[in-house]
N, C-alpha and C. Protein backbone atom coordinates (compact mmCIF):
# COMPACT_ATOMS: atom_id res chain seq x y z
N MET A 1 0.81 -1.19 0.00
CA MET A 1 0.00 0.00 0.00
C MET A 1 0.86 1.27 0.00
N LYS A 2 1.96 1.24 0.83
CA LYS A 2 2.85 2.41 0.87
C LYS A 2 3.50 2.64 -0.49
N GLY A 3 3.83 1.57 -1.20
CA GLY A 3 4.46 1.68 -2.51
C GLY A 3 3.56 2.39 -3.50
N LYS A 4 2.27 2.10 -3.46
CA LYS A 4 1.32 2.77 -4.37
C LYS A 4 1.22 4.25 -4.05
N LYS A 5 1.22 4.60 -2.75
CA LYS A 5 1.13 6.00 -2.35
C LYS A 5 2.35 6.78 -2.86
N TYR A 6 3.55 6.18 -2.71
CA TYR A 6 4.75 6.84 -3.21
C TYR A 6 4.74 6.99 -4.72
N LEU A 7 4.25 5.98 -5.42
CA LEU A 7 4.15 6.03 -6.87
C LEU A 7 3.20 7.14 -7.30
N ILE A 8 2.06 7.23 -6.65
CA ILE A 8 1.08 8.28 -6.97
C ILE A 8 1.67 9.65 -6.67
N LEU A 9 2.37 9.78 -5.56
CA LEU A 9 3.00 11.05 -5.20
C LEU A 9 4.05 11.46 -6.24
N ILE A 10 4.85 10.51 -6.68
CA ILE A 10 5.87 10.81 -7.70
C ILE A 10 5.21 11.23 -9.00
N ILE A 11 4.14 10.55 -9.40
CA ILE A 11 3.44 10.91 -10.63
C ILE A 11 2.85 12.31 -10.52
N ILE A 12 2.25 12.63 -9.38
CA ILE A 12 1.67 13.96 -9.17
C ILE A 12 2.75 15.04 -9.24
N LEU A 13 3.94 14.76 -8.74
CA LEU A 13 5.03 15.74 -8.79
C LEU A 13 5.63 15.87 -10.18
N ILE A 14 5.66 14.80 -10.96
CA ILE A 14 6.29 14.82 -12.27
C ILE A 14 5.39 15.46 -13.33
N ILE A 15 4.09 15.29 -13.25
CA ILE A 15 3.18 15.79 -14.28
C ILE A 15 3.33 17.30 -14.52
N PRO A 16 3.34 18.17 -13.49
CA PRO A 16 3.52 19.61 -13.77
C PRO A 16 4.85 19.93 -14.44
N ILE A 17 5.89 19.19 -14.08
CA ILE A 17 7.21 19.44 -14.69
C ILE A 17 7.17 19.09 -16.17
N VAL A 18 6.57 17.97 -16.51
CA VAL A 18 6.47 17.55 -17.91
C VAL A 18 5.63 18.56 -18.70
N ILE A 19 4.52 19.01 -18.12
CA ILE A 19 3.66 19.99 -18.80
C ILE A 19 4.43 21.29 -19.02
N PHE A 20 5.17 21.74 -18.02
CA PHE A 20 5.94 22.97 -18.14
C PHE A 20 6.99 22.86 -19.24
N LEU A 21 7.73 21.77 -19.25
CA LEU A 21 8.77 21.59 -20.28
C LEU A 21 8.18 21.49 -21.67
N TYR A 22 7.05 20.81 -21.80
CA TYR A 22 6.41 20.70 -23.10
C TYR A 22 5.91 22.07 -23.58
N ALA A 23 5.29 22.83 -22.70
CA ALA A 23 4.78 24.15 -23.08
C ALA A 23 5.92 25.08 -23.45
N LYS A 24 7.02 25.01 -22.72
CA LYS A 24 8.17 25.88 -23.00
C LYS A 24 8.80 25.55 -24.35
N SER A 25 8.90 24.27 -24.68
CA SER A 25 9.51 23.89 -25.95
C SER A 25 8.56 24.06 -27.12
N ASP A 26 7.27 24.09 -26.86
CA ASP A 26 6.28 24.16 -27.92
C ASP A 26 6.24 25.53 -28.59
N ASN A 27 6.57 26.61 -27.86
CA ASN A 27 6.47 27.94 -28.47
C ASN A 27 7.80 28.43 -29.05
N LYS A 28 8.78 27.56 -29.14
CA LYS A 28 10.05 27.93 -29.77
C LYS A 28 10.00 27.61 -31.25
N LYS A 29 10.25 28.62 -32.06
CA LYS A 29 10.29 28.41 -33.50
C LYS A 29 11.72 28.12 -33.92
N GLU A 30 11.85 27.42 -35.01
CA GLU A 30 13.17 27.19 -35.58
C GLU A 30 13.65 28.50 -36.20
N PRO A 31 14.93 28.85 -36.00
CA PRO A 31 15.42 30.09 -36.61
C PRO A 31 15.39 30.01 -38.13
N ILE A 32 15.14 31.15 -38.74
CA ILE A 32 15.14 31.23 -40.19
C ILE A 32 16.56 31.51 -40.64
N GLU A 33 17.07 30.69 -41.53
CA GLU A 33 18.43 30.89 -42.05
C GLU A 33 18.48 32.18 -42.86
N VAL A 34 19.53 32.95 -42.68
CA VAL A 34 19.68 34.22 -43.37
C VAL A 34 21.01 34.22 -44.11
N ASN A 35 20.98 34.63 -45.36
CA ASN A 35 22.20 34.77 -46.16
C ASN A 35 22.91 36.05 -45.73
N VAL A 36 24.16 35.96 -45.25
CA VAL A 36 24.85 37.12 -44.70
C VAL A 36 25.64 37.94 -45.72
N SER A 37 25.66 37.54 -46.96
CA SER A 37 26.49 38.25 -47.94
C SER A 37 26.15 39.74 -48.08
N PRO A 38 24.88 40.18 -48.07
CA PRO A 38 24.63 41.62 -48.20
C PRO A 38 24.68 42.36 -46.86
N TYR A 39 25.02 41.69 -45.79
CA TYR A 39 25.02 42.31 -44.47
C TYR A 39 26.32 43.06 -44.21
N VAL A 40 26.24 44.09 -43.37
CA VAL A 40 27.39 44.88 -42.97
C VAL A 40 27.89 44.36 -41.63
N LYS A 41 29.19 44.20 -41.51
CA LYS A 41 29.76 43.80 -40.23
C LYS A 41 29.71 44.98 -39.27
N ILE A 42 29.50 44.69 -38.00
CA ILE A 42 29.41 45.75 -36.99
C ILE A 42 30.70 46.56 -36.96
N VAL A 43 31.86 45.90 -37.05
CA VAL A 43 33.14 46.62 -37.01
C VAL A 43 33.32 47.54 -38.21
N ASP A 44 32.67 47.22 -39.33
CA ASP A 44 32.77 48.06 -40.53
C ASP A 44 31.69 49.15 -40.57
N SER A 45 30.72 49.06 -39.69
CA SER A 45 29.64 50.05 -39.67
C SER A 45 30.08 51.28 -38.89
N LYS A 46 29.28 52.31 -38.98
CA LYS A 46 29.56 53.53 -38.22
C LYS A 46 28.58 53.66 -37.05
N LEU A 47 28.08 52.53 -36.57
CA LEU A 47 27.15 52.57 -35.46
C LEU A 47 27.87 52.97 -34.18
N LYS A 48 27.34 53.98 -33.52
CA LYS A 48 27.90 54.45 -32.25
C LYS A 48 26.76 54.88 -31.36
N SER A 49 26.95 54.68 -30.06
CA SER A 49 25.95 55.13 -29.10
C SER A 49 26.58 55.28 -27.73
N ASP A 50 26.19 56.33 -27.03
CA ASP A 50 26.64 56.52 -25.65
C ASP A 50 25.67 55.88 -24.67
N ILE A 51 24.48 55.51 -25.15
CA ILE A 51 23.44 55.00 -24.25
C ILE A 51 23.11 53.53 -24.48
N ALA A 52 23.75 52.90 -25.48
CA ALA A 52 23.39 51.51 -25.79
C ALA A 52 24.61 50.74 -26.31
N ASN A 53 24.53 49.42 -26.15
CA ASN A 53 25.58 48.50 -26.60
C ASN A 53 25.32 48.13 -28.07
N VAL A 54 26.14 48.63 -28.97
CA VAL A 54 25.91 48.41 -30.40
C VAL A 54 26.31 47.01 -30.88
N ASP A 55 26.73 46.15 -29.97
CA ASP A 55 27.01 44.75 -30.33
C ASP A 55 25.78 43.87 -30.20
N ILE A 56 24.76 44.33 -29.46
CA ILE A 56 23.52 43.56 -29.27
C ILE A 56 22.40 44.33 -29.97
N LEU A 57 22.02 43.84 -31.16
CA LEU A 57 21.13 44.59 -32.04
C LEU A 57 19.87 43.83 -32.40
N VAL A 58 18.82 44.61 -32.70
CA VAL A 58 17.53 44.08 -33.15
C VAL A 58 16.99 45.02 -34.22
N LYS A 59 16.47 44.43 -35.29
CA LYS A 59 15.77 45.22 -36.31
C LYS A 59 14.28 44.92 -36.13
N PHE A 60 13.48 45.98 -35.90
CA PHE A 60 12.06 45.80 -35.66
C PHE A 60 11.31 47.01 -36.22
N ASN A 61 10.25 46.76 -36.98
CA ASN A 61 9.45 47.82 -37.62
C ASN A 61 10.33 48.81 -38.39
N ASN A 62 11.26 48.27 -39.17
CA ASN A 62 12.16 49.06 -40.02
C ASN A 62 13.08 50.00 -39.25
N LYS A 63 13.29 49.72 -37.96
CA LYS A 63 14.19 50.53 -37.15
C LYS A 63 15.21 49.60 -36.50
N LEU A 64 16.43 50.10 -36.35
CA LEU A 64 17.49 49.34 -35.71
C LEU A 64 17.61 49.79 -34.26
N TYR A 65 17.63 48.82 -33.36
CA TYR A 65 17.73 49.09 -31.93
C TYR A 65 18.94 48.39 -31.35
N ALA A 66 19.51 49.00 -30.30
CA ALA A 66 20.63 48.40 -29.56
C ALA A 66 20.23 48.29 -28.09
N ARG A 67 20.81 47.32 -27.41
CA ARG A 67 20.49 47.10 -26.00
C ARG A 67 20.97 48.28 -25.17
N SER A 68 20.05 48.88 -24.44
CA SER A 68 20.34 50.06 -23.64
C SER A 68 21.19 49.72 -22.43
N TYR A 69 22.01 50.68 -22.02
CA TYR A 69 22.75 50.54 -20.77
C TYR A 69 21.85 50.83 -19.57
N SER A 70 20.70 51.46 -19.81
CA SER A 70 19.78 51.80 -18.73
C SER A 70 19.06 50.57 -18.21
N LEU A 71 18.79 50.55 -16.94
CA LEU A 71 17.98 49.51 -16.33
C LEU A 71 16.56 50.04 -16.20
N ILE A 72 15.59 49.15 -16.38
CA ILE A 72 14.20 49.58 -16.30
C ILE A 72 13.46 48.73 -15.29
N ASP A 73 12.38 49.31 -14.78
CA ASP A 73 11.47 48.59 -13.90
C ASP A 73 10.19 48.37 -14.71
N TYR A 74 10.14 47.25 -15.42
CA TYR A 74 9.03 46.96 -16.32
C TYR A 74 8.39 45.66 -15.84
N ARG A 75 7.16 45.75 -15.40
CA ARG A 75 6.49 44.59 -14.85
C ARG A 75 5.74 43.79 -15.90
N GLY A 76 5.72 44.27 -17.10
CA GLY A 76 5.01 43.56 -18.17
C GLY A 76 3.52 43.80 -18.08
N GLY A 77 2.77 42.86 -18.56
CA GLY A 77 1.32 42.99 -18.54
C GLY A 77 0.75 43.51 -19.84
N SER A 78 1.56 44.19 -20.63
CA SER A 78 1.05 44.66 -21.91
C SER A 78 1.12 43.54 -22.95
N ILE A 79 0.43 43.75 -24.03
CA ILE A 79 0.38 42.76 -25.10
C ILE A 79 1.59 42.95 -26.00
N PRO A 80 2.30 41.86 -26.35
CA PRO A 80 3.44 42.00 -27.25
C PRO A 80 3.03 42.60 -28.60
N ILE A 81 3.90 43.44 -29.14
CA ILE A 81 3.64 44.03 -30.46
C ILE A 81 4.39 43.30 -31.55
N GLY A 82 5.18 42.30 -31.17
CA GLY A 82 5.92 41.55 -32.16
C GLY A 82 6.74 40.44 -31.54
N PHE A 83 7.54 39.80 -32.42
CA PHE A 83 8.29 38.60 -32.04
C PHE A 83 9.56 38.56 -32.87
N ILE A 84 10.68 38.28 -32.25
CA ILE A 84 11.96 38.19 -32.96
C ILE A 84 12.17 36.74 -33.40
N ASP A 85 12.16 36.51 -34.72
CA ASP A 85 12.23 35.12 -35.21
C ASP A 85 13.31 34.88 -36.25
N LYS A 86 14.21 35.84 -36.43
CA LYS A 86 15.31 35.66 -37.38
C LYS A 86 16.62 35.94 -36.66
N LEU A 87 17.65 35.20 -37.06
CA LEU A 87 18.97 35.35 -36.44
C LEU A 87 20.03 35.47 -37.52
N VAL A 88 20.87 36.47 -37.36
CA VAL A 88 22.04 36.63 -38.21
C VAL A 88 23.26 36.49 -37.30
N ASN A 89 24.41 36.18 -37.87
CA ASN A 89 25.63 36.01 -37.09
C ASN A 89 25.90 37.25 -36.24
N LYS A 90 26.45 37.04 -35.04
CA LYS A 90 26.64 38.13 -34.07
C LYS A 90 27.57 39.24 -34.55
N GLU A 91 28.35 38.99 -35.58
CA GLU A 91 29.26 40.04 -36.06
C GLU A 91 28.61 40.97 -37.09
N TYR A 92 27.35 40.71 -37.44
CA TYR A 92 26.67 41.50 -38.46
C TYR A 92 25.55 42.36 -37.88
N VAL A 93 25.23 43.42 -38.61
CA VAL A 93 24.11 44.29 -38.28
C VAL A 93 22.84 43.69 -38.89
N PRO A 94 21.81 43.43 -38.08
CA PRO A 94 20.55 42.91 -38.65
C PRO A 94 19.97 43.89 -39.66
N LYS A 95 19.41 43.36 -40.74
CA LYS A 95 18.85 44.26 -41.74
C LYS A 95 17.40 43.95 -42.07
N GLU A 96 16.89 42.80 -41.64
CA GLU A 96 15.49 42.45 -41.89
C GLU A 96 14.67 42.64 -40.62
N ASN A 97 13.40 42.96 -40.78
CA ASN A 97 12.52 43.11 -39.63
C ASN A 97 12.44 41.82 -38.82
N ASN A 98 12.31 41.96 -37.51
CA ASN A 98 12.20 40.84 -36.57
C ASN A 98 13.48 40.00 -36.54
N GLU A 99 14.61 40.66 -36.73
CA GLU A 99 15.89 39.97 -36.79
C GLU A 99 16.82 40.49 -35.69
N THR A 100 17.65 39.60 -35.18
CA THR A 100 18.64 39.96 -34.17
C THR A 100 19.98 39.31 -34.51
N ASN A 101 21.02 39.79 -33.89
CA ASN A 101 22.34 39.16 -34.03
C ASN A 101 22.75 38.48 -32.73
N THR A 102 21.80 38.27 -31.84
CA THR A 102 22.08 37.68 -30.53
C THR A 102 21.17 36.48 -30.31
N LYS A 103 21.76 35.32 -30.18
CA LYS A 103 21.00 34.06 -30.08
C LYS A 103 20.00 34.07 -28.92
N GLU A 104 20.36 34.66 -27.78
CA GLU A 104 19.47 34.69 -26.62
C GLU A 104 18.18 35.47 -26.89
N ILE A 105 18.20 36.39 -27.84
CA ILE A 105 17.02 37.20 -28.14
C ILE A 105 16.08 36.50 -29.11
N LEU A 106 16.58 35.54 -29.85
CA LEU A 106 15.75 34.80 -30.80
C LEU A 106 14.55 34.19 -30.08
N ASN A 107 13.38 34.29 -30.68
CA ASN A 107 12.11 33.78 -30.13
C ASN A 107 11.62 34.59 -28.94
N SER A 108 12.01 35.86 -28.86
CA SER A 108 11.58 36.73 -27.76
C SER A 108 10.44 37.64 -28.20
N ASN A 109 9.59 38.00 -27.24
CA ASN A 109 8.51 38.95 -27.49
C ASN A 109 9.02 40.38 -27.41
N VAL A 110 8.41 41.26 -28.21
CA VAL A 110 8.75 42.68 -28.23
C VAL A 110 7.55 43.46 -27.69
N TYR A 111 7.83 44.45 -26.82
CA TYR A 111 6.79 45.27 -26.22
C TYR A 111 7.07 46.74 -26.52
N GLU A 112 6.00 47.52 -26.62
CA GLU A 112 6.12 48.95 -26.88
C GLU A 112 6.64 49.65 -25.63
N SER A 113 7.48 50.67 -25.84
CA SER A 113 7.99 51.42 -24.69
C SER A 113 7.85 52.92 -24.92
N GLY A 114 8.57 53.44 -25.87
CA GLY A 114 8.52 54.88 -26.15
C GLY A 114 8.71 55.08 -27.64
N GLU A 115 8.77 56.33 -28.03
CA GLU A 115 8.91 56.64 -29.46
C GLU A 115 10.19 56.05 -30.06
N ASN A 116 11.27 56.08 -29.30
CA ASN A 116 12.56 55.59 -29.78
C ASN A 116 13.07 54.40 -28.99
N GLN A 117 12.13 53.66 -28.37
CA GLN A 117 12.52 52.53 -27.54
C GLN A 117 11.54 51.37 -27.71
N ILE A 118 12.05 50.16 -27.48
CA ILE A 118 11.22 48.98 -27.34
C ILE A 118 11.73 48.20 -26.14
N VAL A 119 10.92 47.29 -25.65
CA VAL A 119 11.31 46.41 -24.55
C VAL A 119 11.23 44.99 -25.07
N ILE A 120 12.25 44.20 -24.78
CA ILE A 120 12.28 42.80 -25.22
C ILE A 120 12.43 41.92 -23.98
N LEU A 121 11.60 40.89 -23.92
CA LEU A 121 11.67 39.93 -22.83
C LEU A 121 12.59 38.79 -23.25
N TYR A 122 13.79 38.76 -22.67
CA TYR A 122 14.71 37.64 -22.92
C TYR A 122 15.56 37.41 -21.68
N ASN A 123 16.05 36.19 -21.55
CA ASN A 123 16.78 35.78 -20.35
C ASN A 123 15.97 36.07 -19.09
N GLU A 124 14.66 35.92 -19.22
CA GLU A 124 13.70 36.08 -18.13
C GLU A 124 13.69 37.47 -17.52
N SER A 125 14.06 38.49 -18.29
CA SER A 125 13.93 39.85 -17.80
C SER A 125 13.58 40.78 -18.96
N TYR A 126 12.93 41.87 -18.62
CA TYR A 126 12.55 42.88 -19.62
C TYR A 126 13.74 43.81 -19.80
N THR A 127 14.16 43.98 -21.06
CA THR A 127 15.35 44.76 -21.36
C THR A 127 15.00 45.87 -22.35
N LEU A 128 15.49 47.06 -22.05
CA LEU A 128 15.22 48.23 -22.89
C LEU A 128 16.19 48.27 -24.07
N PHE A 129 15.66 48.58 -25.25
CA PHE A 129 16.46 48.77 -26.46
C PHE A 129 16.20 50.18 -27.00
N GLU A 130 17.28 50.86 -27.36
CA GLU A 130 17.22 52.23 -27.87
C GLU A 130 17.39 52.25 -29.38
N LYS A 131 16.61 53.11 -30.04
CA LYS A 131 16.71 53.25 -31.50
C LYS A 131 18.04 53.89 -31.86
N LEU A 132 18.67 53.34 -32.92
CA LEU A 132 19.93 53.87 -33.42
C LEU A 132 19.70 54.55 -34.76
N GLU A 133 20.55 55.50 -35.05
CA GLU A 133 20.57 56.08 -36.39
C GLU A 133 21.38 55.14 -37.27
N GLU A 134 20.84 54.78 -38.42
CA GLU A 134 21.53 53.81 -39.28
C GLU A 134 22.42 54.51 -40.29
N ASN A 135 23.63 54.78 -39.89
CA ASN A 135 24.66 55.30 -40.79
C ASN A 135 25.68 54.19 -40.98
N LEU A 136 25.33 53.24 -41.83
CA LEU A 136 26.15 52.03 -41.96
C LEU A 136 27.32 52.20 -42.91
N ASN A 137 27.30 53.17 -43.76
CA ASN A 137 28.38 53.30 -44.76
C ASN A 137 29.41 54.33 -44.36
């Protein structure tokens, strides 16, 4: 009788873990392969910013954003305005919408923040991204 109780207890504990892992893996899309030949390397670009890291980039709604040095207190709750589903090599500047050069950002939700900012949920935290001027040549 004790053996059955332990078995039932183990099953009850395992079921939520299995459901969680299945749900987490179910919403991950496969990255879309991108041809990098027309892309500009970050080191060859003229991207500069005093307020953001120009090595961590996202292209969204025809605007290029870089990860801000600022920390934000963003509790979420708003509806995502988009999703990052394309990945280019980390040494290149993204040029297509919904594209990033950072693997951790792939499959992340994008939230509205300000006129020149977006918020991206990745690595389990909301991170501010600042719009950059695209002077790539």
